[in-house]
Amino acid sequence: MSGMPAPHPAEFRQRAVELARQGDKPVAQIAKELGISESCLRNWMAQADADEKGSAARLSTTEKKELAELRKRNRQLESVIQAGLITSK
């Protein structure tokens, strides 16, 4: 089993970002109250910014999904090509 915790639901992440953006409490305090690290919450905030406003430095969630699908398809095609090369010898 991996050492990575299970991802939090999207609704939880969205609410955490909303709370942090309100500015009523420091980000560190909100993170502690939610049981997550400050860096985790800041990453969620940065990702939300990229998703909402676009960013040259960070892919949007949609772009990340598309990239993962393209990489998977590329691996599949490489396997087909490799299998074809092996059988043609």
PDB file of N, CA and C in Angstrom:
ATOM      1  N   MET A   1       0.841  -1.179   0.000  1.00  0.00           N
ATOM      2  CA  MET A   1       0.000   0.000   0.000  1.00  0.00           C
ATOM      3  C   MET A   1       0.885   1.240   0.000  1.00  0.00           C
ATOM      4  N   SER A   2       0.478   2.257  -0.708  1.00  0.00           N
ATOM      5  CA  SER A   2       1.236   3.492  -0.859  1.00  0.00           C
ATOM      6  C   SER A   2       1.128   4.358   0.386  1.00  0.00           C
ATOM      7  N   GLY A   3       2.079   5.241   0.564  1.00  0.00           N
ATOM      8  CA  GLY A   3       2.073   6.137   1.709  1.00  0.00           C
ATOM      9  C   GLY A   3       1.221   7.373   1.475  1.00  0.00           C
ATOM     10  N   MET A   4       0.645   7.496   0.293  1.00  0.00           N
ATOM     11  CA  MET A   4      -0.176   8.665  -0.017  1.00  0.00           C
ATOM     12  C   MET A   4      -1.575   8.505   0.571  1.00  0.00           C
ATOM     13  N   PRO A   5      -2.077   9.559   1.223  1.00  0.00           N
ATOM     14  CA  PRO A   5      -3.448   9.489   1.740  1.00  0.00           C
ATOM     15  C   PRO A   5      -4.446   9.556   0.591  1.00  0.00           C
ATOM     16  N   ALA A   6      -5.648   9.101   0.851  1.00  0.00           N
ATOM     17  CA  ALA A   6      -6.695   9.174  -0.157  1.00  0.00           C
ATOM     18  C   ALA A   6      -7.011  10.640  -0.434  1.00  0.00           C
ATOM     19  N   PRO A   7      -7.304  10.973  -1.680  1.00  0.00           N
ATOM     20  CA  PRO A   7      -7.594  12.372  -1.990  1.00  0.00           C
ATOM     21  C   PRO A   7      -8.893  12.822  -1.322  1.00  0.00           C
ATOM     22  N   HIS A   8      -8.925  14.091  -0.971  1.00  0.00           N
ATOM     23  CA  HIS A   8     -10.142  14.649  -0.381  1.00  0.00           C
ATOM     24  C   HIS A   8     -11.154  14.891  -1.489  1.00  0.00           C
ATOM     25  N   PRO A   9     -12.438  14.793  -1.163  1.00  0.00           N
ATOM     26  CA  PRO A   9     -13.466  15.047  -2.185  1.00  0.00           C
ATOM     27  C   PRO A   9     -13.361  16.469  -2.738  1.00  0.00           C
ATOM     28  N   ALA A  10     -13.767  16.634  -3.973  1.00  0.00           N
ATOM     29  CA  ALA A  10     -13.696  17.943  -4.629  1.00  0.00           C
ATOM     30  C   ALA A  10     -14.464  19.005  -3.844  1.00  0.00           C
ATOM     31  N   GLU A  11     -15.591  18.628  -3.268  1.00  0.00           N
ATOM     32  CA  GLU A  11     -16.400  19.591  -2.507  1.00  0.00           C
ATOM     33  C   GLU A  11     -15.628  20.096  -1.285  1.00  0.00           C
ATOM     34  N   PHE A  12     -14.890  19.201  -0.643  1.00  0.00           N
ATOM     35  CA  PHE A  12     -14.085  19.578   0.519  1.00  0.00           C
ATOM     36  C   PHE A  12     -13.002  20.564   0.102  1.00  0.00           C
ATOM     37  N   ARG A  13     -12.312  20.267  -0.991  1.00  0.00           N
ATOM     38  CA  ARG A  13     -11.253  21.146  -1.486  1.00  0.00           C
ATOM     39  C   ARG A  13     -11.805  22.516  -1.853  1.00  0.00           C
ATOM     40  N   GLN A  14     -12.951  22.514  -2.535  1.00  0.00           N
ATOM     41  CA  GLN A  14     -13.559  23.771  -2.959  1.00  0.00           C
ATOM     42  C   GLN A  14     -13.945  24.621  -1.755  1.00  0.00           C
ATOM     43  N   ARG A  15     -14.541  24.006  -0.744  1.00  0.00           N
ATOM     44  CA  ARG A  15     -14.945  24.748   0.458  1.00  0.00           C
ATOM     45  C   ARG A  15     -13.720  25.278   1.201  1.00  0.00           C
ATOM     46  N   ALA A  16     -12.665  24.481   1.270  1.00  0.00           N
ATOM     47  CA  ALA A  16     -11.441  24.909   1.936  1.00  0.00           C
ATOM     48  C   ALA A  16     -10.866  26.145   1.239  1.00  0.00           C
ATOM     49  N   VAL A  17     -10.858  26.131  -0.080  1.00  0.00           N
ATOM     50  CA  VAL A  17     -10.358  27.273  -0.848  1.00  0.00           C
ATOM     51  C   VAL A  17     -11.234  28.502  -0.594  1.00  0.00           C
ATOM     52  N   GLU A  18     -12.534  28.303  -0.574  1.00  0.00           N
ATOM     53  CA  GLU A  18     -13.448  29.420  -0.313  1.00  0.00           C
ATOM     54  C   GLU A  18     -13.172  30.037   1.056  1.00  0.00           C
ATOM     55  N   LEU A  19     -12.989  29.191   2.062  1.00  0.00           N
ATOM     56  CA  LEU A  19     -12.697  29.691   3.409  1.00  0.00           C
ATOM     57  C   LEU A  19     -11.392  30.478   3.434  1.00  0.00           C
ATOM     58  N   ALA A  20     -10.392  29.968   2.758  1.00  0.00           N
ATOM     59  CA  ALA A  20      -9.094  30.641   2.733  1.00  0.00           C
ATOM     60  C   ALA A  20      -9.180  31.977   2.010  1.00  0.00           C
ATOM     61  N   ARG A  21      -9.949  32.025   0.945  1.00  0.00           N
ATOM     62  CA  ARG A  21     -10.077  33.259   0.167  1.00  0.00           C
ATOM     63  C   ARG A  21     -10.852  34.346   0.912  1.00  0.00           C
ATOM     64  N   GLN A  22     -11.697  33.943   1.848  1.00  0.00           N
ATOM     65  CA  GLN A  22     -12.452  34.935   2.618  1.00  0.00           C
ATOM     66  C   GLN A  22     -11.519  35.834   3.416  1.00  0.00           C
ATOM     67  N   GLY A  23     -10.405  35.286   3.834  1.00  0.00           N
ATOM     68  CA  GLY A  23      -9.408  36.077   4.540  1.00  0.00           C
ATOM     69  C   GLY A  23      -9.738  36.367   5.992  1.00  0.00           C
ATOM     70  N   ASP A  24     -10.759  35.699   6.539  1.00  0.00           N
ATOM     71  CA  ASP A  24     -11.121  35.924   7.943  1.00  0.00           C
ATOM     72  C   ASP A  24     -10.085  35.352   8.903  1.00  0.00           C
ATOM     73  N   LYS A  25      -9.411  34.291   8.467  1.00  0.00           N
ATOM     74  CA  LYS A  25      -8.404  33.615   9.292  1.00  0.00           C
ATOM     75  C   LYS A  25      -7.173  33.369   8.432  1.00  0.00           C
ATOM     76  N   PRO A  26      -6.018  33.238   9.062  1.00  0.00           N
ATOM     77  CA  PRO A  26      -4.816  32.882   8.297  1.00  0.00           C
ATOM     78  C   PRO A  26      -4.962  31.505   7.639  1.00  0.00           C
ATOM     79  N   VAL A  27      -4.339  31.342   6.499  1.00  0.00           N
ATOM     80  CA  VAL A  27      -4.399  30.066   5.767  1.00  0.00           C
ATOM     81  C   VAL A  27      -3.915  28.923   6.649  1.00  0.00           C
ATOM     82  N   ALA A  28      -2.863  29.153   7.412  1.00  0.00           N
ATOM     83  CA  ALA A  28      -2.319  28.103   8.286  1.00  0.00           C
ATOM     84  C   ALA A  28      -3.354  27.636   9.298  1.00  0.00           C
ATOM     85  N   GLN A  29      -4.119  28.568   9.845  1.00  0.00           N
ATOM     86  CA  GLN A  29      -5.136  28.208  10.837  1.00  0.00           C
ATOM     87  C   GLN A  29      -6.284  27.415  10.201  1.00  0.00           C
ATOM     88  N   ILE A  30      -6.710  27.842   9.028  1.00  0.00           N
ATOM     89  CA  ILE A  30      -7.777  27.119   8.329  1.00  0.00           C
ATOM     90  C   ILE A  30      -7.325  25.702   8.016  1.00  0.00           C
ATOM     91  N   ALA A  31      -6.109  25.581   7.523  1.00  0.00           N
ATOM     92  CA  ALA A  31      -5.576  24.254   7.191  1.00  0.00           C
ATOM     93  C   ALA A  31      -5.546  23.362   8.426  1.00  0.00           C
ATOM     94  N   LYS A  32      -5.079  23.898   9.532  1.00  0.00           N
ATOM     95  CA  LYS A  32      -4.999  23.118  10.769  1.00  0.00           C
ATOM     96  C   LYS A  32      -6.382  22.675  11.211  1.00  0.00           C
ATOM     97  N   GLU A  33      -7.348  23.582  11.146  1.00  0.00           N
ATOM     98  CA  GLU A  33      -8.717  23.249  11.546  1.00  0.00           C
ATOM     99  C   GLU A  33      -9.330  22.179  10.650  1.00  0.00           C
ATOM    100  N   LEU A  34      -8.917  22.149   9.386  1.00  0.00           N
ATOM    101  CA  LEU A  34      -9.447  21.164   8.445  1.00  0.00           C
ATOM    102  C   LEU A  34      -8.654  19.858   8.448  1.00  0.00           C
ATOM    103  N   GLY A  35      -7.547  19.846   9.170  1.00  0.00           N
ATOM    104  CA  GLY A  35      -6.746  18.623   9.251  1.00  0.00           C
ATOM    105  C   GLY A  35      -5.882  18.374   8.025  1.00  0.00           C
ATOM    106  N   ILE A  36      -5.487  19.448   7.358  1.00  0.00           N
ATOM    107  CA  ILE A  36      -4.613  19.324   6.199  1.00  0.00           C
ATOM    108  C   ILE A  36      -3.414  20.244   6.414  1.00  0.00           C
ATOM    109  N   SER A  37      -2.382  20.058   5.608  1.00  0.00           N
ATOM    110  CA  SER A  37      -1.209  20.916   5.744  1.00  0.00           C
ATOM    111  C   SER A  37      -1.459  22.256   5.056  1.00  0.00           C
ATOM    112  N   GLU A  38      -0.726  23.248   5.501  1.00  0.00           N
ATOM    113  CA  GLU A  38      -0.839  24.574   4.889  1.00  0.00           C
ATOM    114  C   GLU A  38      -0.433  24.514   3.418  1.00  0.00           C
ATOM    115  N   SER A  39       0.630  23.759   3.122  1.00  0.00           N
ATOM    116  CA  SER A  39       1.078  23.665   1.725  1.00  0.00           C
ATOM    117  C   SER A  39       0.014  22.999   0.849  1.00  0.00           C
ATOM    118  N   CYS A  40      -0.696  22.037   1.405  1.00  0.00           N
ATOM    119  CA  CYS A  40      -1.777  21.381   0.666  1.00  0.00           C
ATOM    120  C   CYS A  40      -2.854  22.399   0.306  1.00  0.00           C
ATOM    121  N   LEU A  41      -3.274  23.191   1.289  1.00  0.00           N
ATOM    122  CA  LEU A  41      -4.304  24.193   1.042  1.00  0.00           C
ATOM    123  C   LEU A  41      -3.812  25.241   0.046  1.00  0.00           C
ATOM    124  N   ARG A  42      -2.570  25.649   0.162  1.00  0.00           N
ATOM    125  CA  ARG A  42      -2.033  26.636  -0.790  1.00  0.00           C
ATOM    126  C   ARG A  42      -1.975  26.057  -2.209  1.00  0.00           C
ATOM    127  N   ASN A  43      -1.659  24.771  -2.322  1.00  0.00           N
ATOM    128  CA  ASN A  43      -1.678  24.120  -3.640  1.00  0.00           C
ATOM    129  C   ASN A  43      -3.083  24.104  -4.221  1.00  0.00           C
ATOM    130  N   TRP A  44      -4.070  23.798  -3.374  1.00  0.00           N
ATOM    131  CA  TRP A  44      -5.466  23.804  -3.834  1.00  0.00           C
ATOM    132  C   TRP A  44      -5.870  25.198  -4.294  1.00  0.00           C
ATOM    133  N   MET A  45      -5.423  26.213  -3.565  1.00  0.00           N
ATOM    134  CA  MET A  45      -5.745  27.589  -3.929  1.00  0.00           C
ATOM    135  C   MET A  45      -5.120  27.944  -5.284  1.00  0.00           C
ATOM    136  N   ALA A  46      -3.870  27.565  -5.472  1.00  0.00           N
ATOM    137  CA  ALA A  46      -3.180  27.845  -6.742  1.00  0.00           C
ATOM    138  C   ALA A  46      -3.856  27.109  -7.891  1.00  0.00           C
ATOM    139  N   GLN A  47      -4.273  25.858  -7.652  1.00  0.00           N
ATOM    140  CA  GLN A  47      -4.946  25.087  -8.699  1.00  0.00           C
ATOM    141  C   GLN A  47      -6.295  25.708  -9.028  1.00  0.00           C
ATOM    142  N   ALA A  48      -7.015  26.168  -8.017  1.00  0.00           N
ATOM    143  CA  ALA A  48      -8.305  26.822  -8.248  1.00  0.00           C
ATOM    144  C   ALA A  48      -8.106  28.090  -9.071  1.00  0.00           C
ATOM    145  N   ASP A  49      -7.060  28.844  -8.774  1.00  0.00           N
ATOM    146  CA  ASP A  49      -6.752  30.050  -9.552  1.00  0.00           C
ATOM    147  C   ASP A  49      -6.480  29.687 -11.013  1.00  0.00           C
ATOM    148  N   ALA A  50      -5.697  28.639 -11.228  1.00  0.00           N
ATOM    149  CA  ALA A  50      -5.377  28.208 -12.593  1.00  0.00           C
ATOM    150  C   ALA A  50      -6.631  27.752 -13.324  1.00  0.00           C
ATOM    151  N   ASP A  51      -7.508  27.043 -12.621  1.00  0.00           N
ATOM    152  CA  ASP A  51      -8.742  26.563 -13.244  1.00  0.00           C
ATOM    153  C   ASP A  51      -9.667  27.719 -13.603  1.00  0.00           C
ATOM    154  N   GLU A  52      -9.712  28.726 -12.747  1.00  0.00           N
ATOM    155  CA  GLU A  52     -10.654  29.834 -12.938  1.00  0.00           C
ATOM    156  C   GLU A  52     -10.128  30.920 -13.862  1.00  0.00           C
ATOM    157  N   LYS A  53      -8.843  31.224 -13.761  1.00  0.00           N
ATOM    158  CA  LYS A  53      -8.299  32.373 -14.481  1.00  0.00           C
ATOM    159  C   LYS A  53      -7.305  31.997 -15.566  1.00  0.00           C
ATOM    160  N   GLY A  54      -6.880  30.759 -15.564  1.00  0.00           N
ATOM    161  CA  GLY A  54      -5.829  30.357 -16.481  1.00  0.00           C
ATOM    162  C   GLY A  54      -4.483  30.774 -15.922  1.00  0.00           C
ATOM    163  N   SER A  55      -3.461  30.043 -16.290  1.00  0.00           N
ATOM    164  CA  SER A  55      -2.127  30.334 -15.787  1.00  0.00           C
ATOM    165  C   SER A  55      -1.104  29.751 -16.739  1.00  0.00           C
ATOM    166  N   ALA A  56      -0.089  30.549 -17.023  1.00  0.00           N
ATOM    167  CA  ALA A  56       0.989  30.055 -17.874  1.00  0.00           C
ATOM    168  C   ALA A  56       1.892  29.102 -17.110  1.00  0.00           C
ATOM    169  N   ALA A  57       1.881  29.198 -15.787  1.00  0.00           N
ATOM    170  CA  ALA A  57       2.794  28.407 -14.965  1.00  0.00           C
ATOM    171  C   ALA A  57       2.169  27.100 -14.475  1.00  0.00           C
ATOM    172  N   ARG A  58       0.856  26.946 -14.596  1.00  0.00           N
ATOM    173  CA  ARG A  58       0.191  25.778 -14.024  1.00  0.00           C
ATOM    174  C   ARG A  58      -0.930  25.317 -14.956  1.00  0.00           C
ATOM    175  N   LEU A  59      -1.002  24.016 -15.187  1.00  0.00           N
ATOM    176  CA  LEU A  59      -2.068  23.458 -16.014  1.00  0.00           C
ATOM    177  C   LEU A  59      -3.385  23.477 -15.248  1.00  0.00           C
ATOM    178  N   SER A  60      -4.474  23.692 -15.960  1.00  0.00           N
ATOM    179  CA  SER A  60      -5.789  23.589 -15.335  1.00  0.00           C
ATOM    180  C   SER A  60      -6.087  22.110 -15.097  1.00  0.00           C
ATOM    181  N   THR A  61      -7.085  21.842 -14.289  1.00  0.00           N
ATOM    182  CA  THR A  61      -7.478  20.462 -14.003  1.00  0.00           C
ATOM    183  C   THR A  61      -7.867  19.751 -15.295  1.00  0.00           C
ATOM    184  N   THR A  62      -8.584  20.434 -16.166  1.00  0.00           N
ATOM    185  CA  THR A  62      -8.985  19.852 -17.453  1.00  0.00           C
ATOM    186  C   THR A  62      -7.758  19.514 -18.296  1.00  0.00           C
ATOM    187  N   GLU A  63      -6.794  20.425 -18.322  1.00  0.00           N
ATOM    188  CA  GLU A  63      -5.567  20.178 -19.082  1.00  0.00           C
ATOM    189  C   GLU A  63      -4.780  19.009 -18.507  1.00  0.00           C
ATOM    190  N   LYS A  64      -4.757  18.887 -17.179  1.00  0.00           N
ATOM    191  CA  LYS A  64      -4.057  17.756 -16.551  1.00  0.00           C
ATOM    192  C   LYS A  64      -4.697  16.432 -16.947  1.00  0.00           C
ATOM    193  N   LYS A  65      -6.033  16.398 -16.948  1.00  0.00           N
ATOM    194  CA  LYS A  65      -6.740  15.172 -17.341  1.00  0.00           C
ATOM    195  C   LYS A  65      -6.460  14.833 -18.798  1.00  0.00           C
ATOM    196  N   GLU A  66      -6.491  15.853 -19.653  1.00  0.00           N
ATOM    197  CA  GLU A  66      -6.216  15.628 -21.066  1.00  0.00           C
ATOM    198  C   GLU A  66      -4.791  15.119 -21.271  1.00  0.00           C
ATOM    199  N   LEU A  67      -3.840  15.707 -20.569  1.00  0.00           N
ATOM    200  CA  LEU A  67      -2.451  15.276 -20.679  1.00  0.00           C
ATOM    201  C   LEU A  67      -2.295  13.820 -20.235  1.00  0.00           C
ATOM    202  N   ALA A  68      -2.940  13.449 -19.132  1.00  0.00           N
ATOM    203  CA  ALA A  68      -2.861  12.066 -18.656  1.00  0.00           C
ATOM    204  C   ALA A  68      -3.445  11.102 -19.684  1.00  0.00           C
ATOM    205  N   GLU A  69      -4.574  11.483 -20.300  1.00  0.00           N
ATOM    206  CA  GLU A  69      -5.193  10.627 -21.322  1.00  0.00           C
ATOM    207  C   GLU A  69      -4.289  10.498 -22.544  1.00  0.00           C
ATOM    208  N   LEU A  70      -3.671  11.592 -22.957  1.00  0.00           N
ATOM    209  CA  LEU A  70      -2.776  11.555 -24.114  1.00  0.00           C
ATOM    210  C   LEU A  70      -1.534  10.710 -23.839  1.00  0.00           C
ATOM    211  N   ARG A  71      -1.004  10.825 -22.630  1.00  0.00           N
ATOM    212  CA  ARG A  71       0.159   9.992 -22.281  1.00  0.00           C
ATOM    213  C   ARG A  71      -0.203   8.515 -22.271  1.00  0.00           C
ATOM    214  N   LYS A  72      -1.392   8.203 -21.757  1.00  0.00           N
ATOM    215  CA  LYS A  72      -1.846   6.805 -21.730  1.00  0.00           C
ATOM    216  C   LYS A  72      -1.988   6.283 -23.168  1.00  0.00           C
ATOM    217  N   ARG A  73      -2.601   7.098 -24.028  1.00  0.00           N
ATOM    218  CA  ARG A  73      -2.788   6.694 -25.421  1.00  0.00           C
ATOM    219  C   ARG A  73      -1.430   6.523 -26.112  1.00  0.00           C
ATOM    220  N   ASN A  74      -0.504   7.381 -25.807  1.00  0.00           N
ATOM    221  CA  ASN A  74       0.832   7.286 -26.379  1.00  0.00           C
ATOM    222  C   ASN A  74       1.503   5.969 -25.971  1.00  0.00           C
ATOM    223  N   ARG A  75       1.384   5.616 -24.691  1.00  0.00           N
ATOM    224  CA  ARG A  75       1.968   4.339 -24.228  1.00  0.00           C
ATOM    225  C   ARG A  75       1.330   3.162 -24.948  1.00  0.00           C
ATOM    226  N   GLN A  76       0.000   3.227 -25.151  1.00  0.00           N
ATOM    227  CA  GLN A  76      -0.693   2.147 -25.853  1.00  0.00           C
ATOM    228  C   GLN A  76      -0.187   2.024 -27.286  1.00  0.00           C
ATOM    229  N   LEU A  77      -0.054   3.153 -27.937  1.00  0.00           N
ATOM    230  CA  LEU A  77       0.422   3.133 -29.327  1.00  0.00           C
ATOM    231  C   LEU A  77       1.859   2.653 -29.415  1.00  0.00           C
ATOM    232  N   GLU A  78       2.689   3.055 -28.465  1.00  0.00           N
ATOM    233  CA  GLU A  78       4.070   2.586 -28.448  1.00  0.00           C
ATOM    234  C   GLU A  78       4.121   1.076 -28.263  1.00  0.00           C
ATOM    235  N   SER A  79       3.233   0.531 -27.439  1.00  0.00           N
ATOM    236  CA  SER A  79       3.180  -0.923 -27.229  1.00  0.00           C
ATOM    237  C   SER A  79       2.770  -1.627 -28.524  1.00  0.00           C
ATOM    238  N   VAL A  80       1.804  -1.088 -29.221  1.00  0.00           N
ATOM    239  CA  VAL A  80       1.354  -1.676 -30.489  1.00  0.00           C
ATOM    240  C   VAL A  80       2.489  -1.641 -31.502  1.00  0.00           C
ATOM    241  N   ILE A  81       3.171  -0.529 -31.589  1.00  0.00           N
ATOM    242  CA  ILE A  81       4.293  -0.405 -32.521  1.00  0.00           C
ATOM    243  C   ILE A  81       5.392  -1.396 -32.161  1.00  0.00           C
ATOM    244  N   GLN A  82       5.714  -1.476 -30.875  1.00  0.00           N
ATOM    245  CA  GLN A  82       6.762  -2.401 -30.433  1.00  0.00           C
ATOM    246  C   GLN A  82       6.369  -3.836 -30.740  1.00  0.00           C
ATOM    247  N   ALA A  83       5.118  -4.201 -30.501  1.00  0.00           N
ATOM    248  CA  ALA A  83       4.661  -5.561 -30.780  1.00  0.00           C
ATOM    249  C   ALA A  83       4.755  -5.837 -32.276  1.00  0.00           C
ATOM    250  N   GLY A  84       4.433  -4.850 -33.101  1.00  0.00           N
ATOM    251  CA  GLY A  84       4.538  -5.008 -34.553  1.00  0.00           C
ATOM    252  C   GLY A  84       5.977  -5.193 -35.006  1.00  0.00           C
ATOM    253  N   LEU A  85       6.882  -4.489 -34.372  1.00  0.00           N
ATOM    254  CA  LEU A  85       8.299  -4.616 -34.724  1.00  0.00           C
ATOM    255  C   LEU A  85       8.835  -5.993 -34.329  1.00  0.00           C
ATOM    256  N   ILE A  86       8.394  -6.502 -33.199  1.00  0.00           N
ATOM    257  CA  ILE A  86       8.859  -7.798 -32.726  1.00  0.00           C
ATOM    258  C   ILE A  86       8.342  -8.920 -33.633  1.00  0.00           C
ATOM    259  N   THR A  87       7.070  -8.836 -34.022  1.00  0.00           N
ATOM    260  CA  THR A  87       6.492  -9.894 -34.858  1.00  0.00           C
ATOM    261  C   THR A  87       6.963  -9.814 -36.298  1.00  0.00           C
ATOM    262  N   SER A  88       7.458  -8.669 -36.745  1.00  0.00           N
ATOM    263  CA  SER A  88       7.903  -8.547 -38.133  1.00  0.00           C
ATOM    264  C   SER A  88       9.336  -9.030 -38.328  1.00  0.00           C
ATOM    265  N   LYS A  89      10.012  -9.355 -37.232  1.00  0.00           N
ATOM    266  CA  LYS A  89      11.403  -9.814 -37.343  1.00  0.00           C
ATOM    267  C   LYS A  89      11.476 -11.277 -37.681  1.00  0.00           C
TER     268      LYS A  89
END
